[in-house]
Amino acid sequence: MAHDTHKLEIFRGALKFKSNQQKIVGVLILLSVITAIEVVLGIIKPESLMGMVLGMKLLNWIFIILTIVKAYYIAWDFMHIRDEVKWFRISLVVPLLILIPYLAFILLVEGNYIYNVYLDGFIKWDF
C-alpha cells in the first residue's frame, strides 16, 4: 500500500498544476475579451454583418455563438468538467452544442412568424 502511495506522489510531482489564482485570472481575461467583442459589435453594428444568414442577421448569429462559447467555458472551468473522463465530458457538451443553437433558431424563426402574422394578418395588436 505504501509503495502505491509513493508512486502516486512521484507522479503528482512530475505534473505542474496552475494555481487557482492563475486559473481565475485566465478565465477573467478570456470572458472579458469575449464580452468586449460583443459590446463593441453591439455598439458599432457593422454593415457588413447585417446580411441575412438562415433567416437571421449574421450579427445575431455571432452574438449567439459568442454567448455559447462563454457558457461552455464557464461550465468547463467552474463546474470542473475539464477534470472529468473524456466520454463524460463529451456526453455533457455535445447535447448542449446541438440543443442550445436549435432552441435559439426555433425561438427566433417562430417569433418572426408570429410577428408577421400580427403585422400582415387580420389579428389586431391588443397588447
C-alpha atoms as a PDB file:
ATOM      1  CA  MET A   1       0.000   0.000   0.000  1.00  0.00           C
ATOM      2  CA  ALA A   2       2.772   2.441   0.889  1.00  0.00           C
ATOM      3  CA  HIS A   3       4.507   1.584  -2.364  1.00  0.00           C
ATOM      4  CA  ASP A   4       1.451   2.681  -4.385  1.00  0.00           C
ATOM      5  CA  THR A   5       1.251   5.942  -2.465  1.00  0.00           C
ATOM      6  CA  HIS A   6       4.896   6.663  -3.227  1.00  0.00           C
ATOM      7  CA  LYS A   7       4.296   6.135  -6.971  1.00  0.00           C
ATOM      8  CA  LEU A   8       1.345   8.492  -6.812  1.00  0.00           C
ATOM      9  CA  GLU A   9       3.426  11.168  -5.098  1.00  0.00           C
ATOM     10  CA  ILE A  10       6.189  10.841  -7.710  1.00  0.00           C
ATOM     11  CA  PHE A  11       3.588  11.040 -10.477  1.00  0.00           C
ATOM     12  CA  ARG A  12       1.994  14.137  -8.950  1.00  0.00           C
ATOM     13  CA  GLY A  13       5.406  15.719  -8.514  1.00  0.00           C
ATOM     14  CA  ALA A  14       6.022  15.427 -12.257  1.00  0.00           C
ATOM     15  CA  LEU A  15       2.854  17.296 -13.132  1.00  0.00           C
ATOM     16  CA  LYS A  16       2.725  21.056 -12.939  1.00  0.00           C
ATOM     17  CA  PHE A  17      -0.631  22.429 -11.887  1.00  0.00           C
ATOM     18  CA  LYS A  18      -1.688  26.027 -12.290  1.00  0.00           C
ATOM     19  CA  SER A  19      -2.617  27.842  -9.133  1.00  0.00           C
ATOM     20  CA  ASN A  20      -6.234  28.783  -8.578  1.00  0.00           C
ATOM     21  CA  GLN A  21      -5.315  32.439  -8.917  1.00  0.00           C
ATOM     22  CA  GLN A  22      -3.809  31.827 -12.381  1.00  0.00           C
ATOM     23  CA  LYS A  23      -6.952  29.942 -13.454  1.00  0.00           C
ATOM     24  CA  ILE A  24      -9.240  32.719 -12.229  1.00  0.00           C
ATOM     25  CA  VAL A  25      -7.204  35.432 -13.970  1.00  0.00           C
ATOM     26  CA  GLY A  26      -7.177  33.392 -17.192  1.00  0.00           C
ATOM     27  CA  VAL A  27     -10.951  32.935 -17.069  1.00  0.00           C
ATOM     28  CA  LEU A  28     -11.433  36.632 -16.283  1.00  0.00           C
ATOM     29  CA  ILE A  29      -9.301  37.676 -19.249  1.00  0.00           C
ATOM     30  CA  LEU A  30     -10.975  35.289 -21.707  1.00  0.00           C
ATOM     31  CA  LEU A  31     -14.531  36.163 -20.647  1.00  0.00           C
ATOM     32  CA  SER A  32     -13.682  39.887 -20.617  1.00  0.00           C
ATOM     33  CA  VAL A  33     -12.315  39.727 -24.156  1.00  0.00           C
ATOM     34  CA  ILE A  34     -15.394  37.878 -25.448  1.00  0.00           C
ATOM     35  CA  THR A  35     -17.716  40.320 -23.655  1.00  0.00           C
ATOM     36  CA  ALA A  36     -15.768  43.303 -25.012  1.00  0.00           C
ATOM     37  CA  ILE A  37     -16.130  41.914 -28.542  1.00  0.00           C
ATOM     38  CA  GLU A  38     -19.882  41.544 -28.009  1.00  0.00           C
ATOM     39  CA  VAL A  39     -20.226  45.083 -26.648  1.00  0.00           C
ATOM     40  CA  VAL A  40     -18.164  46.640 -29.471  1.00  0.00           C
ATOM     41  CA  LEU A  41     -20.147  44.731 -32.116  1.00  0.00           C
ATOM     42  CA  GLY A  42     -23.400  45.784 -30.422  1.00  0.00           C
ATOM     43  CA  ILE A  43     -22.416  49.445 -30.417  1.00  0.00           C
ATOM     44  CA  ILE A  44     -20.862  49.633 -33.875  1.00  0.00           C
ATOM     45  CA  LYS A  45     -23.193  47.193 -35.689  1.00  0.00           C
ATOM     46  CA  PRO A  46     -21.010  46.856 -38.802  1.00  0.00           C
ATOM     47  CA  GLU A  47     -22.969  47.000 -42.036  1.00  0.00           C
ATOM     48  CA  SER A  48     -21.027  44.001 -43.366  1.00  0.00           C
ATOM     49  CA  LEU A  49     -22.585  41.814 -40.645  1.00  0.00           C
ATOM     50  CA  MET A  50     -26.172  42.849 -41.405  1.00  0.00           C
ATOM     51  CA  GLY A  51     -26.611  40.290 -44.188  1.00  0.00           C
ATOM     52  CA  MET A  52     -29.188  37.562 -43.675  1.00  0.00           C
ATOM     53  CA  VAL A  53     -27.983  34.025 -42.931  1.00  0.00           C
ATOM     54  CA  LEU A  54     -30.584  31.306 -42.280  1.00  0.00           C
ATOM     55  CA  GLY A  55     -33.317  33.875 -41.697  1.00  0.00           C
ATOM     56  CA  MET A  56     -31.367  35.962 -39.222  1.00  0.00           C
ATOM     57  CA  LYS A  57     -28.707  38.662 -39.402  1.00  0.00           C
ATOM     58  CA  LEU A  58     -25.128  37.430 -39.266  1.00  0.00           C
ATOM     59  CA  LEU A  59     -24.509  39.747 -36.309  1.00  0.00           C
ATOM     60  CA  ASN A  60     -27.187  37.926 -34.291  1.00  0.00           C
ATOM     61  CA  TRP A  61     -25.562  34.577 -35.111  1.00  0.00           C
ATOM     62  CA  ILE A  62     -22.231  35.934 -33.888  1.00  0.00           C
ATOM     63  CA  PHE A  63     -23.844  37.023 -30.599  1.00  0.00           C
ATOM     64  CA  ILE A  64     -25.420  33.593 -30.132  1.00  0.00           C
ATOM     65  CA  ILE A  65     -22.143  31.785 -30.874  1.00  0.00           C
ATOM     66  CA  LEU A  66     -20.123  34.021 -28.526  1.00  0.00           C
ATOM     67  CA  THR A  67     -22.691  33.514 -25.763  1.00  0.00           C
ATOM     68  CA  ILE A  68     -22.496  29.743 -26.195  1.00  0.00           C
ATOM     69  CA  VAL A  69     -18.691  29.932 -26.065  1.00  0.00           C
ATOM     70  CA  LYS A  70     -18.872  31.887 -22.798  1.00  0.00           C
ATOM     71  CA  ALA A  71     -21.374  29.452 -21.272  1.00  0.00           C
ATOM     72  CA  TYR A  72     -19.254  26.486 -22.354  1.00  0.00           C
ATOM     73  CA  TYR A  73     -16.092  27.961 -20.879  1.00  0.00           C
ATOM     74  CA  ILE A  74     -17.799  28.799 -17.586  1.00  0.00           C
ATOM     75  CA  ALA A  75     -19.064  25.224 -17.306  1.00  0.00           C
ATOM     76  CA  TRP A  76     -15.682  23.864 -18.417  1.00  0.00           C
ATOM     77  CA  ASP A  77     -13.763  25.801 -15.794  1.00  0.00           C
ATOM     78  CA  PHE A  78     -16.030  26.433 -12.805  1.00  0.00           C
ATOM     79  CA  MET A  79     -18.001  23.179 -12.947  1.00  0.00           C
ATOM     80  CA  HIS A  80     -14.726  21.239 -13.316  1.00  0.00           C
ATOM     81  CA  ILE A  81     -15.776  19.444 -16.485  1.00  0.00           C
ATOM     82  CA  ARG A  82     -12.188  19.599 -17.718  1.00  0.00           C
ATOM     83  CA  ASP A  83     -11.203  17.200 -14.910  1.00  0.00           C
ATOM     84  CA  GLU A  84     -13.735  14.534 -15.890  1.00  0.00           C
ATOM     85  CA  VAL A  85     -13.329  11.483 -18.105  1.00  0.00           C
ATOM     86  CA  LYS A  86     -13.349  12.213 -21.847  1.00  0.00           C
ATOM     87  CA  TRP A  87     -16.644  10.466 -22.693  1.00  0.00           C
ATOM     88  CA  PHE A  88     -18.438  12.053 -19.745  1.00  0.00           C
ATOM     89  CA  ARG A  89     -17.312  15.481 -20.979  1.00  0.00           C
ATOM     90  CA  ILE A  90     -18.497  14.658 -24.476  1.00  0.00           C
ATOM     91  CA  SER A  91     -21.867  13.421 -23.185  1.00  0.00           C
ATOM     92  CA  LEU A  92     -22.375  16.748 -21.399  1.00  0.00           C
ATOM     93  CA  VAL A  93     -21.063  19.134 -24.039  1.00  0.00           C
ATOM     94  CA  VAL A  94     -22.340  17.729 -27.353  1.00  0.00           C
ATOM     95  CA  PRO A  95     -26.063  17.860 -26.479  1.00  0.00           C
ATOM     96  CA  LEU A  96     -25.646  21.458 -25.327  1.00  0.00           C
ATOM     97  CA  LEU A  97     -23.816  22.434 -28.505  1.00  0.00           C
ATOM     98  CA  ILE A  98     -26.678  20.950 -30.511  1.00  0.00           C
ATOM     99  CA  LEU A  99     -29.734  21.841 -28.417  1.00  0.00           C
ATOM    100  CA  ILE A 100     -28.969  25.458 -27.488  1.00  0.00           C
ATOM    101  CA  PRO A 101     -28.466  26.661 -31.087  1.00  0.00           C
ATOM    102  CA  TYR A 102     -31.508  24.612 -32.126  1.00  0.00           C
ATOM    103  CA  LEU A 103     -33.623  26.234 -29.407  1.00  0.00           C
ATOM    104  CA  ALA A 104     -32.385  29.709 -30.367  1.00  0.00           C
ATOM    105  CA  PHE A 105     -33.156  29.016 -34.042  1.00  0.00           C
ATOM    106  CA  ILE A 106     -36.669  27.729 -33.285  1.00  0.00           C
ATOM    107  CA  LEU A 107     -37.475  30.670 -30.983  1.00  0.00           C
ATOM    108  CA  LEU A 108     -36.273  33.249 -33.480  1.00  0.00           C
ATOM    109  CA  VAL A 109     -37.976  31.694 -36.507  1.00  0.00           C
ATOM    110  CA  GLU A 110     -41.275  31.181 -34.687  1.00  0.00           C
ATOM    111  CA  GLY A 111     -41.110  34.667 -33.173  1.00  0.00           C
ATOM    112  CA  ASN A 112     -40.594  36.138 -36.633  1.00  0.00           C
ATOM    113  CA  TYR A 113     -43.576  34.145 -37.944  1.00  0.00           C
ATOM    114  CA  ILE A 114     -45.839  35.375 -35.124  1.00  0.00           C
ATOM    115  CA  TYR A 115     -44.662  38.945 -35.745  1.00  0.00           C
ATOM    116  CA  ASN A 116     -45.527  38.647 -39.449  1.00  0.00           C
ATOM    117  CA  VAL A 117     -48.957  37.174 -38.649  1.00  0.00           C
ATOM    118  CA  TYR A 118     -49.749  40.121 -36.387  1.00  0.00           C
ATOM    119  CA  LEU A 119     -48.282  42.615 -38.856  1.00  0.00           C
ATOM    120  CA  ASP A 120     -49.939  41.320 -42.034  1.00  0.00           C
ATOM    121  CA  GLY A 121     -52.812  39.235 -40.742  1.00  0.00           C
ATOM    122  CA  PHE A 122     -56.286  40.024 -39.531  1.00  0.00           C
ATOM    123  CA  ILE A 123     -55.364  39.931 -35.857  1.00  0.00           C
ATOM    124  CA  LYS A 124     -55.031  43.298 -34.108  1.00  0.00           C
ATOM    125  CA  TRP A 125     -52.196  44.205 -31.803  1.00  0.00           C
ATOM    126  CA  ASP A 126     -54.019  44.010 -28.470  1.00  0.00           C
ATOM    127  CA  PHE A 127     -51.006  44.231 -26.219  1.00  0.00           C
END
